[in-house]
Amino acid sequence: MIHLLLVSLIWAFSFGLIKNHLAGVDASLVTLLRLLLALAVFLPFFRWSGLGRDWLWAKLMGIGAVQYGVMYLAYLNAFRFLQAHEIALLTITTPLFVCWINDLWTHRWHPVHLGAAVLSVAGAGVLVYARVDGAPALAGLLLIQLSNACFAFGQLAYRRIRERHPGPPDRAWFALLFAGGILAAIVIPSPGAATATAVGDLATAQWLVLVYLGVIASGAGFFLWNYGATQVNAGTLAAMNNIKIPLAILVSLLVFGEEADWSRLLLGGLLMVAGVAWAERSKKPAPTRSS
């Protein structure tokens, strides 16, 4: 679970960096450059071993196209309609998508997993309830929900692939996920394509942010997140998706100089910790009653 916590801290910086330094830059360009940088991180580790059977290479690229390509295009385009804090708030539904998709795939109802997700969402809701400034634009809301669903699907799909094909270490195949995301970014048209930003127009500060987002947040971050997803059950994975929200608030306080309600931060954090603890406990077999 330490991998998921570390990545949540890395991602906590992303909302403010995107809004403050990449506002107005075409979402397709940001998606493409971010994923190209992430791909460069993992190309040296790529190995073809085992990828030829069962079209495994195509399945991994398909997962990457959804989890990284479509997710980023929807997420970044939502900044055209919503403020950064509204986007952060609306990501609280990701755990529900994780539980719903997992239950759909397994054909089983997991009330403990759903309960952990509900606790996590409730905790995030406590944090953000008083910060929502009116109803967000419907287009932005739908884009964020699409982004959440794609991210949830990718996590679970990658888990299933690795369970069936333990094979080489994750780093040997991970480049294919980013390649799939790049393909999606190229093929899927962006609403802002008519006013696309040229690479040469990017300022030095914007390039530094892109390097952070591509190499650290997307490259190392998504690798550690998907690896961490293979080490926990679906309930813990669902709850951990919202840990980045209180961390993002702390980053806003300490780095970007924003203000937060500490009582809400504490209460919301406790609810999310309870969700994680409940999900973790569900992994342990119930003790047998002695005769």
C-alpha atoms as a PDB file:
ATOM      1  CA  MET A   1       0.000   0.000   0.000  1.00  0.00           C
ATOM      2  CA  ILE A   2       3.037   2.290   0.404  1.00  0.00           C
ATOM      3  CA  HIS A   3       3.274   2.560  -3.394  1.00  0.00           C
ATOM      4  CA  LEU A   4      -0.279   3.928  -3.614  1.00  0.00           C
ATOM      5  CA  LEU A   5       0.412   6.488  -0.855  1.00  0.00           C
ATOM      6  CA  LEU A   6       3.609   7.711  -2.539  1.00  0.00           C
ATOM      7  CA  VAL A   7       1.899   8.142  -5.898  1.00  0.00           C
ATOM      8  CA  SER A   8      -1.018   9.957  -4.269  1.00  0.00           C
ATOM      9  CA  LEU A   9       1.457  12.521  -2.903  1.00  0.00           C
ATOM     10  CA  ILE A  10       3.038  12.945  -6.352  1.00  0.00           C
ATOM     11  CA  TRP A  11      -0.359  13.410  -7.981  1.00  0.00           C
ATOM     12  CA  ALA A  12      -1.463  15.910  -5.336  1.00  0.00           C
ATOM     13  CA  PHE A  13       0.722  18.518  -7.076  1.00  0.00           C
ATOM     14  CA  SER A  14      -0.757  17.930 -10.534  1.00  0.00           C
ATOM     15  CA  PHE A  15      -4.014  19.888 -10.192  1.00  0.00           C
ATOM     16  CA  GLY A  16      -2.341  23.169  -9.228  1.00  0.00           C
ATOM     17  CA  LEU A  17       0.499  22.769 -11.719  1.00  0.00           C
ATOM     18  CA  ILE A  18      -1.849  22.138 -14.642  1.00  0.00           C
ATOM     19  CA  LYS A  19      -4.173  25.003 -13.762  1.00  0.00           C
ATOM     20  CA  ASN A  20      -1.400  27.512 -13.032  1.00  0.00           C
ATOM     21  CA  HIS A  21       1.066  26.663 -15.809  1.00  0.00           C
ATOM     22  CA  LEU A  22      -0.758  24.778 -18.586  1.00  0.00           C
ATOM     23  CA  ALA A  23      -4.034  26.688 -18.749  1.00  0.00           C
ATOM     24  CA  GLY A  24      -4.900  27.355 -22.382  1.00  0.00           C
ATOM     25  CA  VAL A  25      -2.518  24.745 -23.802  1.00  0.00           C
ATOM     26  CA  ASP A  26      -4.290  22.268 -26.096  1.00  0.00           C
ATOM     27  CA  ALA A  27      -5.269  19.108 -24.193  1.00  0.00           C
ATOM     28  CA  SER A  28      -4.172  16.823 -27.033  1.00  0.00           C
ATOM     29  CA  LEU A  29      -0.677  18.312 -27.040  1.00  0.00           C
ATOM     30  CA  VAL A  30      -0.340  18.013 -23.252  1.00  0.00           C
ATOM     31  CA  THR A  31      -1.566  14.412 -23.383  1.00  0.00           C
ATOM     32  CA  LEU A  32       0.785  13.505 -26.225  1.00  0.00           C
ATOM     33  CA  LEU A  33       3.909  15.119 -24.728  1.00  0.00           C
ATOM     34  CA  ARG A  34       3.183  13.777 -21.253  1.00  0.00           C
ATOM     35  CA  LEU A  35       2.799  10.210 -22.511  1.00  0.00           C
ATOM     36  CA  LEU A  36       5.819  10.465 -24.845  1.00  0.00           C
ATOM     37  CA  LEU A  37       7.972  11.448 -21.865  1.00  0.00           C
ATOM     38  CA  ALA A  38       6.534   8.581 -19.828  1.00  0.00           C
ATOM     39  CA  LEU A  39       7.198   6.176 -22.705  1.00  0.00           C
ATOM     40  CA  ALA A  40      10.828   7.312 -22.834  1.00  0.00           C
ATOM     41  CA  VAL A  41      11.229   6.322 -19.181  1.00  0.00           C
ATOM     42  CA  PHE A  42      10.229   2.712 -19.824  1.00  0.00           C
ATOM     43  CA  LEU A  43      11.570   2.015 -23.317  1.00  0.00           C
ATOM     44  CA  PRO A  44      14.979   0.873 -21.962  1.00  0.00           C
ATOM     45  CA  PHE A  45      13.231  -1.792 -19.867  1.00  0.00           C
ATOM     46  CA  PHE A  46      10.954  -3.097 -22.628  1.00  0.00           C
ATOM     47  CA  ARG A  47      11.136  -6.813 -23.407  1.00  0.00           C
ATOM     48  CA  TRP A  48       9.065  -8.660 -26.009  1.00  0.00           C
ATOM     49  CA  SER A  49       9.219 -11.963 -24.098  1.00  0.00           C
ATOM     50  CA  GLY A  50       5.767 -13.492 -23.710  1.00  0.00           C
ATOM     51  CA  LEU A  51       3.903 -10.701 -25.486  1.00  0.00           C
ATOM     52  CA  GLY A  52       3.173 -12.687 -28.627  1.00  0.00           C
ATOM     53  CA  ARG A  53       0.837 -15.223 -27.036  1.00  0.00           C
ATOM     54  CA  ASP A  54      -2.896 -14.496 -26.796  1.00  0.00           C
ATOM     55  CA  TRP A  55      -2.375 -11.059 -28.382  1.00  0.00           C
ATOM     56  CA  LEU A  56      -1.076  -9.866 -25.023  1.00  0.00           C
ATOM     57  CA  TRP A  57       0.702  -6.880 -26.586  1.00  0.00           C
ATOM     58  CA  ALA A  58      -2.563  -5.666 -28.122  1.00  0.00           C
ATOM     59  CA  LYS A  59      -4.435  -6.100 -24.831  1.00  0.00           C
ATOM     60  CA  LEU A  60      -1.835  -4.036 -22.965  1.00  0.00           C
ATOM     61  CA  MET A  61      -1.967  -1.291 -25.595  1.00  0.00           C
ATOM     62  CA  GLY A  62      -5.758  -1.331 -25.370  1.00  0.00           C
ATOM     63  CA  ILE A  63      -5.619  -0.901 -21.596  1.00  0.00           C
ATOM     64  CA  GLY A  64      -3.174   1.984 -22.007  1.00  0.00           C
ATOM     65  CA  ALA A  65      -5.358   3.608 -24.661  1.00  0.00           C
ATOM     66  CA  VAL A  66      -8.257   3.712 -22.193  1.00  0.00           C
ATOM     67  CA  GLN A  67      -6.474   4.294 -18.879  1.00  0.00           C
ATOM     68  CA  TYR A  68      -3.994   6.879 -20.147  1.00  0.00           C
ATOM     69  CA  GLY A  69      -5.117   8.154 -23.552  1.00  0.00           C
ATOM     70  CA  VAL A  70      -8.877   8.604 -23.197  1.00  0.00           C
ATOM     71  CA  MET A  71      -8.566   9.367 -19.481  1.00  0.00           C
ATOM     72  CA  TYR A  72      -6.100  12.242 -20.041  1.00  0.00           C
ATOM     73  CA  LEU A  73      -7.988  13.681 -23.003  1.00  0.00           C
ATOM     74  CA  ALA A  74     -11.213  13.794 -20.975  1.00  0.00           C
ATOM     75  CA  TYR A  75      -9.477  15.055 -17.824  1.00  0.00           C
ATOM     76  CA  LEU A  76      -7.498  17.849 -19.482  1.00  0.00           C
ATOM     77  CA  ASN A  77     -10.421  19.009 -21.636  1.00  0.00           C
ATOM     78  CA  ALA A  78     -12.492  19.346 -18.464  1.00  0.00           C
ATOM     79  CA  PHE A  79     -10.232  22.253 -17.422  1.00  0.00           C
ATOM     80  CA  ARG A  80     -11.968  24.262 -20.169  1.00  0.00           C
ATOM     81  CA  PHE A  81     -15.221  24.105 -18.212  1.00  0.00           C
ATOM     82  CA  LEU A  82     -14.257  23.672 -14.543  1.00  0.00           C
ATOM     83  CA  GLN A  83     -11.923  25.157 -11.976  1.00  0.00           C
ATOM     84  CA  ALA A  84      -9.055  23.032 -10.665  1.00  0.00           C
ATOM     85  CA  HIS A  85     -10.686  22.471  -7.278  1.00  0.00           C
ATOM     86  CA  GLU A  86     -13.941  21.391  -8.936  1.00  0.00           C
ATOM     87  CA  ILE A  87     -12.059  18.818 -10.990  1.00  0.00           C
ATOM     88  CA  ALA A  88     -10.335  17.524  -7.869  1.00  0.00           C
ATOM     89  CA  LEU A  89     -13.691  17.236  -6.113  1.00  0.00           C
ATOM     90  CA  LEU A  90     -15.340  15.357  -8.938  1.00  0.00           C
ATOM     91  CA  THR A  91     -12.645  12.665  -8.926  1.00  0.00           C
ATOM     92  CA  ILE A  92     -14.186  11.359  -5.698  1.00  0.00           C
ATOM     93  CA  THR A  93     -16.414   9.014  -7.715  1.00  0.00           C
ATOM     94  CA  THR A  94     -13.454   6.949  -8.975  1.00  0.00           C
ATOM     95  CA  PRO A  95     -13.691   4.408  -6.098  1.00  0.00           C
ATOM     96  CA  LEU A  96     -17.289   3.684  -6.962  1.00  0.00           C
ATOM     97  CA  PHE A  97     -16.298   2.951 -10.557  1.00  0.00           C
ATOM     98  CA  VAL A  98     -13.566   0.615  -9.278  1.00  0.00           C
ATOM     99  CA  CYS A  99     -16.036  -1.372  -7.181  1.00  0.00           C
ATOM    100  CA  TRP A 100     -18.763  -1.444  -9.803  1.00  0.00           C
ATOM    101  CA  ILE A 101     -16.453  -2.565 -12.606  1.00  0.00           C
ATOM    102  CA  ASN A 102     -14.821  -5.206 -10.393  1.00  0.00           C
ATOM    103  CA  ASP A 103     -18.182  -6.608  -9.298  1.00  0.00           C
ATOM    104  CA  LEU A 104     -19.363  -6.617 -12.908  1.00  0.00           C
ATOM    105  CA  TRP A 105     -16.320  -8.611 -14.018  1.00  0.00           C
ATOM    106  CA  THR A 106     -16.407 -11.096 -11.142  1.00  0.00           C
ATOM    107  CA  HIS A 107     -20.205 -11.543 -11.223  1.00  0.00           C
ATOM    108  CA  ARG A 108     -20.200 -11.265  -7.447  1.00  0.00           C
ATOM    109  CA  TRP A 109     -21.572  -8.674  -5.053  1.00  0.00           C
ATOM    110  CA  HIS A 110     -18.968  -7.364  -2.594  1.00  0.00           C
ATOM    111  CA  PRO A 111     -20.737  -5.273   0.066  1.00  0.00           C
ATOM    112  CA  VAL A 112     -17.475  -4.772   1.995  1.00  0.00           C
ATOM    113  CA  HIS A 113     -15.744  -3.340  -1.070  1.00  0.00           C
ATOM    114  CA  LEU A 114     -18.691  -1.078  -1.815  1.00  0.00           C
ATOM    115  CA  GLY A 115     -18.832   0.001   1.822  1.00  0.00           C
ATOM    116  CA  ALA A 116     -15.124   0.917   1.759  1.00  0.00           C
ATOM    117  CA  ALA A 117     -15.698   2.952  -1.382  1.00  0.00           C
ATOM    118  CA  VAL A 118     -18.696   4.724   0.151  1.00  0.00           C
ATOM    119  CA  LEU A 119     -16.673   5.599   3.270  1.00  0.00           C
ATOM    120  CA  SER A 120     -13.887   6.970   1.069  1.00  0.00           C
ATOM    121  CA  VAL A 121     -16.321   9.055  -0.977  1.00  0.00           C
ATOM    122  CA  ALA A 122     -18.015  10.290   2.204  1.00  0.00           C
ATOM    123  CA  GLY A 123     -14.649  11.388   3.583  1.00  0.00           C
ATOM    124  CA  ALA A 124     -13.792  13.269   0.415  1.00  0.00           C
ATOM    125  CA  GLY A 125     -17.280  14.789   0.427  1.00  0.00           C
ATOM    126  CA  VAL A 126     -16.738  16.173   3.930  1.00  0.00           C
ATOM    127  CA  LEU A 127     -13.598  17.892   2.685  1.00  0.00           C
ATOM    128  CA  VAL A 128     -15.080  19.458  -0.393  1.00  0.00           C
ATOM    129  CA  TYR A 129     -18.745  20.084   0.420  1.00  0.00           C
ATOM    130  CA  ALA A 130     -18.310  23.746   1.358  1.00  0.00           C
ATOM    131  CA  ARG A 131     -15.896  24.511  -1.499  1.00  0.00           C
ATOM    132  CA  VAL A 132     -18.115  23.856  -4.486  1.00  0.00           C
ATOM    133  CA  ASP A 133     -19.000  27.158  -6.152  1.00  0.00           C
ATOM    134  CA  GLY A 134     -22.325  26.445  -7.796  1.00  0.00           C
ATOM    135  CA  ALA A 135     -23.156  23.671 -10.260  1.00  0.00           C
ATOM    136  CA  PRO A 136     -20.262  22.819 -12.602  1.00  0.00           C
ATOM    137  CA  ALA A 137     -20.848  22.842 -16.319  1.00  0.00           C
ATOM    138  CA  LEU A 138     -22.505  19.619 -17.439  1.00  0.00           C
ATOM    139  CA  ALA A 139     -19.883  19.023 -20.124  1.00  0.00           C
ATOM    140  CA  GLY A 140     -17.049  19.256 -17.612  1.00  0.00           C
ATOM    141  CA  LEU A 141     -18.829  17.003 -15.151  1.00  0.00           C
ATOM    142  CA  LEU A 142     -19.403  14.331 -17.795  1.00  0.00           C
ATOM    143  CA  LEU A 143     -15.783  14.556 -18.963  1.00  0.00           C
ATOM    144  CA  ILE A 144     -14.502  13.986 -15.430  1.00  0.00           C
ATOM    145  CA  GLN A 145     -16.819  11.015 -14.920  1.00  0.00           C
ATOM    146  CA  LEU A 146     -15.560   9.555 -18.207  1.00  0.00           C
ATOM    147  CA  SER A 147     -12.009  10.130 -16.983  1.00  0.00           C
ATOM    148  CA  ASN A 148     -12.765   8.436 -13.647  1.00  0.00           C
ATOM    149  CA  ALA A 149     -14.347   5.428 -15.347  1.00  0.00           C
ATOM    150  CA  CYS A 150     -11.363   5.027 -17.712  1.00  0.00           C
ATOM    151  CA  PHE A 151      -8.876   5.219 -14.854  1.00  0.00           C
ATOM    152  CA  ALA A 152     -10.830   2.670 -12.797  1.00  0.00           C
ATOM    153  CA  PHE A 153     -11.150   0.307 -15.770  1.00  0.00           C
ATOM    154  CA  GLY A 154      -7.424   0.456 -16.522  1.00  0.00           C
ATOM    155  CA  GLN A 155      -6.377  -0.361 -12.961  1.00  0.00           C
ATOM    156  CA  LEU A 156      -8.589  -3.426 -12.772  1.00  0.00           C
ATOM    157  CA  ALA A 157      -7.841  -4.586 -16.316  1.00  0.00           C
ATOM    158  CA  TYR A 158      -4.107  -4.438 -15.629  1.00  0.00           C
ATOM    159  CA  ARG A 159      -4.583  -6.439 -12.437  1.00  0.00           C
ATOM    160  CA  ARG A 160      -6.434  -9.144 -14.354  1.00  0.00           C
ATOM    161  CA  ILE A 161      -3.759  -9.287 -17.047  1.00  0.00           C
ATOM    162  CA  ARG A 162      -0.978  -9.698 -14.492  1.00  0.00           C
ATOM    163  CA  GLU A 163      -2.878 -12.358 -12.573  1.00  0.00           C
ATOM    164  CA  ARG A 164      -3.231 -14.419 -15.745  1.00  0.00           C
ATOM    165  CA  HIS A 165       0.241 -13.642 -17.119  1.00  0.00           C
ATOM    166  CA  PRO A 166       2.679 -13.234 -14.193  1.00  0.00           C
ATOM    167  CA  GLY A 167       5.604 -13.434 -16.644  1.00  0.00           C
ATOM    168  CA  PRO A 168       8.360 -10.782 -16.626  1.00  0.00           C
ATOM    169  CA  PRO A 169       8.425  -7.828 -14.174  1.00  0.00           C
ATOM    170  CA  ASP A 170       5.996  -4.964 -14.824  1.00  0.00           C
ATOM    171  CA  ARG A 171       8.703  -2.641 -16.154  1.00  0.00           C
ATOM    172  CA  ALA A 172       9.363  -5.030 -19.076  1.00  0.00           C
ATOM    173  CA  TRP A 173       5.859  -4.499 -20.508  1.00  0.00           C
ATOM    174  CA  PHE A 174       4.864  -1.073 -19.246  1.00  0.00           C
ATOM    175  CA  ALA A 175       6.009   0.838 -22.329  1.00  0.00           C
ATOM    176  CA  LEU A 176       3.143  -0.756 -24.261  1.00  0.00           C
ATOM    177  CA  LEU A 177       0.593   0.901 -21.970  1.00  0.00           C
ATOM    178  CA  PHE A 178       1.970   4.351 -22.746  1.00  0.00           C
ATOM    179  CA  ALA A 179       2.226   3.489 -26.452  1.00  0.00           C
ATOM    180  CA  GLY A 180      -1.486   2.692 -26.396  1.00  0.00           C
ATOM    181  CA  GLY A 181      -2.203   6.007 -24.710  1.00  0.00           C
ATOM    182  CA  ILE A 182      -0.156   7.873 -27.330  1.00  0.00           C
ATOM    183  CA  LEU A 183      -2.070   6.149 -30.124  1.00  0.00           C
ATOM    184  CA  ALA A 184      -5.370   7.215 -28.548  1.00  0.00           C
ATOM    185  CA  ALA A 185      -4.124  10.811 -28.203  1.00  0.00           C
ATOM    186  CA  ILE A 186      -3.226  10.883 -31.914  1.00  0.00           C
ATOM    187  CA  VAL A 187      -6.376   9.199 -33.232  1.00  0.00           C
ATOM    188  CA  ILE A 188      -9.055  10.807 -31.042  1.00  0.00           C
ATOM    189  CA  PRO A 189      -9.756  14.414 -32.109  1.00  0.00           C
ATOM    190  CA  SER A 190      -9.687  17.087 -29.408  1.00  0.00           C
ATOM    191  CA  PRO A 191     -12.351  19.819 -29.235  1.00  0.00           C
ATOM    192  CA  GLY A 192      -9.534  22.363 -28.977  1.00  0.00           C
ATOM    193  CA  ALA A 193      -7.679  21.161 -32.057  1.00  0.00           C
ATOM    194  CA  ALA A 194      -8.603  24.304 -34.010  1.00  0.00           C
ATOM    195  CA  THR A 195      -6.613  26.414 -31.555  1.00  0.00           C
ATOM    196  CA  ALA A 196      -3.860  23.874 -30.894  1.00  0.00           C
ATOM    197  CA  THR A 197      -0.695  25.148 -29.261  1.00  0.00           C
ATOM    198  CA  ALA A 198       2.577  24.645 -31.138  1.00  0.00           C
ATOM    199  CA  VAL A 199       5.414  22.916 -29.315  1.00  0.00           C
ATOM    200  CA  GLY A 200       7.652  25.938 -29.959  1.00  0.00           C
ATOM    201  CA  ASP A 201       5.200  28.225 -28.162  1.00  0.00           C
ATOM    202  CA  LEU A 202       5.665  26.469 -24.817  1.00  0.00           C
ATOM    203  CA  ALA A 203       7.588  28.454 -22.200  1.00  0.00           C
ATOM    204  CA  THR A 204      10.433  27.007 -20.115  1.00  0.00           C
ATOM    205  CA  ALA A 205       8.224  26.767 -17.020  1.00  0.00           C
ATOM    206  CA  GLN A 206       5.618  24.852 -19.022  1.00  0.00           C
ATOM    207  CA  TRP A 207       8.243  22.393 -20.255  1.00  0.00           C
ATOM    208  CA  LEU A 208       9.410  21.831 -16.674  1.00  0.00           C
ATOM    209  CA  VAL A 209       5.838  21.111 -15.616  1.00  0.00           C
ATOM    210  CA  LEU A 210       5.428  18.715 -18.547  1.00  0.00           C
ATOM    211  CA  VAL A 211       8.631  16.907 -17.579  1.00  0.00           C
ATOM    212  CA  TYR A 212       7.327  16.544 -14.030  1.00  0.00           C
ATOM    213  CA  LEU A 213       3.946  15.323 -15.240  1.00  0.00           C
ATOM    214  CA  GLY A 214       5.420  12.976 -17.866  1.00  0.00           C
ATOM    215  CA  VAL A 215       8.493  11.501 -16.173  1.00  0.00           C
ATOM    216  CA  ILE A 216       7.455  11.570 -12.519  1.00  0.00           C
ATOM    217  CA  ALA A 217       3.645  11.695 -12.321  1.00  0.00           C
ATOM    218  CA  SER A 218       2.874   9.596 -15.410  1.00  0.00           C
ATOM    219  CA  GLY A 219       6.055   7.544 -15.807  1.00  0.00           C
ATOM    220  CA  ALA A 220       7.050   6.574 -12.284  1.00  0.00           C
ATOM    221  CA  GLY A 221       3.629   7.390 -10.834  1.00  0.00           C
ATOM    222  CA  PHE A 222       1.435   5.196 -13.000  1.00  0.00           C
ATOM    223  CA  PHE A 223       3.956   2.349 -12.867  1.00  0.00           C
ATOM    224  CA  LEU A 224       3.978   2.391  -9.067  1.00  0.00           C
ATOM    225  CA  TRP A 225       0.195   2.789  -8.973  1.00  0.00           C
ATOM    226  CA  ASN A 226      -0.525  -0.168 -11.240  1.00  0.00           C
ATOM    227  CA  TYR A 227       2.063  -2.233  -9.379  1.00  0.00           C
ATOM    228  CA  GLY A 228       0.468  -1.260  -6.073  1.00  0.00           C
ATOM    229  CA  ALA A 229      -2.935  -2.201  -7.501  1.00  0.00           C
ATOM    230  CA  THR A 230      -1.677  -5.777  -7.885  1.00  0.00           C
ATOM    231  CA  GLN A 231      -0.774  -5.933  -4.178  1.00  0.00           C
ATOM    232  CA  VAL A 232      -4.137  -4.979  -2.651  1.00  0.00           C
ATOM    233  CA  ASN A 233      -7.754  -6.037  -3.061  1.00  0.00           C
ATOM    234  CA  ALA A 234     -10.354  -4.063  -4.994  1.00  0.00           C
ATOM    235  CA  GLY A 235     -11.801  -2.430  -1.867  1.00  0.00           C
ATOM    236  CA  THR A 236      -8.453  -1.011  -0.765  1.00  0.00           C
ATOM    237  CA  LEU A 237      -7.725   0.125  -4.323  1.00  0.00           C
ATOM    238  CA  ALA A 238     -11.101   1.884  -4.438  1.00  0.00           C
ATOM    239  CA  ALA A 239     -10.512   3.717  -1.160  1.00  0.00           C
ATOM    240  CA  MET A 240      -6.927   4.685  -2.009  1.00  0.00           C
ATOM    241  CA  ASN A 241      -8.125   6.521  -5.113  1.00  0.00           C
ATOM    242  CA  ASN A 242      -9.325   9.370  -2.878  1.00  0.00           C
ATOM    243  CA  ILE A 243      -6.301   9.727  -0.599  1.00  0.00           C
ATOM    244  CA  LYS A 244      -4.876  12.240  -3.082  1.00  0.00           C
ATOM    245  CA  ILE A 245      -7.657  14.709  -2.192  1.00  0.00           C
ATOM    246  CA  PRO A 246      -6.554  15.489   1.404  1.00  0.00           C
ATOM    247  CA  LEU A 247      -2.949  15.408   0.193  1.00  0.00           C
ATOM    248  CA  ALA A 248      -3.848  17.909  -2.541  1.00  0.00           C
ATOM    249  CA  ILE A 249      -5.317  20.179   0.142  1.00  0.00           C
ATOM    250  CA  LEU A 250      -2.071  20.021   2.133  1.00  0.00           C
ATOM    251  CA  VAL A 251      -0.078  20.829  -1.011  1.00  0.00           C
ATOM    252  CA  SER A 252      -2.406  23.765  -1.705  1.00  0.00           C
ATOM    253  CA  LEU A 253      -1.820  25.048   1.838  1.00  0.00           C
ATOM    254  CA  LEU A 254       1.949  24.629   1.914  1.00  0.00           C
ATOM    255  CA  VAL A 255       2.900  25.258  -1.729  1.00  0.00           C
ATOM    256  CA  PHE A 256       0.172  27.274  -3.442  1.00  0.00           C
ATOM    257  CA  GLY A 257      -0.867  29.309  -0.382  1.00  0.00           C
ATOM    258  CA  GLU A 258      -4.550  28.306  -0.365  1.00  0.00           C
ATOM    259  CA  GLU A 259      -6.705  27.905   2.730  1.00  0.00           C
ATOM    260  CA  ALA A 260      -8.607  24.872   4.020  1.00  0.00           C
ATOM    261  CA  ASP A 261     -10.905  23.988   6.897  1.00  0.00           C
ATOM    262  CA  TRP A 262      -8.741  21.882   9.207  1.00  0.00           C
ATOM    263  CA  SER A 263     -11.716  20.294  10.977  1.00  0.00           C
ATOM    264  CA  ARG A 264     -13.076  19.074   7.635  1.00  0.00           C
ATOM    265  CA  LEU A 265      -9.620  17.903   6.605  1.00  0.00           C
ATOM    266  CA  LEU A 266      -9.263  15.819   9.793  1.00  0.00           C
ATOM    267  CA  LEU A 267     -12.758  14.332   9.683  1.00  0.00           C
ATOM    268  CA  GLY A 268     -12.574  13.547   5.972  1.00  0.00           C
ATOM    269  CA  GLY A 269      -9.135  11.993   6.366  1.00  0.00           C
ATOM    270  CA  LEU A 270     -10.331   9.773   9.204  1.00  0.00           C
ATOM    271  CA  LEU A 271     -13.258   8.527   7.127  1.00  0.00           C
ATOM    272  CA  MET A 272     -10.959   7.630   4.239  1.00  0.00           C
ATOM    273  CA  VAL A 273      -8.506   5.879   6.556  1.00  0.00           C
ATOM    274  CA  ALA A 274     -11.453   3.910   7.939  1.00  0.00           C
ATOM    275  CA  GLY A 275     -12.380   2.902   4.395  1.00  0.00           C
ATOM    276  CA  VAL A 276      -8.850   1.655   3.685  1.00  0.00           C
ATOM    277  CA  ALA A 277      -8.686  -0.221   7.004  1.00  0.00           C
ATOM    278  CA  TRP A 278     -12.056  -1.870   6.393  1.00  0.00           C
ATOM    279  CA  ALA A 279     -11.040  -2.985   2.912  1.00  0.00           C
ATOM    280  CA  GLU A 280      -7.712  -4.330   4.174  1.00  0.00           C
ATOM    281  CA  ARG A 281      -9.451  -6.309   6.902  1.00  0.00           C
ATOM    282  CA  SER A 282     -11.687  -7.972   4.320  1.00  0.00           C
ATOM    283  CA  LYS A 283      -8.606  -9.749   2.909  1.00  0.00           C
ATOM    284  CA  LYS A 284      -8.082 -11.715   6.109  1.00  0.00           C
ATOM    285  CA  PRO A 285      -9.983 -15.006   6.482  1.00  0.00           C
ATOM    286  CA  ALA A 286     -12.528 -15.117   9.259  1.00  0.00           C
ATOM    287  CA  PRO A 287     -11.288 -17.089  12.288  1.00  0.00           C
ATOM    288  CA  THR A 288     -12.814 -20.539  12.642  1.00  0.00           C
ATOM    289  CA  ARG A 289     -14.874 -21.200  15.721  1.00  0.00           C
ATOM    290  CA  SER A 290     -13.419 -23.979  17.856  1.00  0.00           C
ATOM    291  CA  SER A 291     -15.678 -26.808  18.895  1.00  0.00           C
END
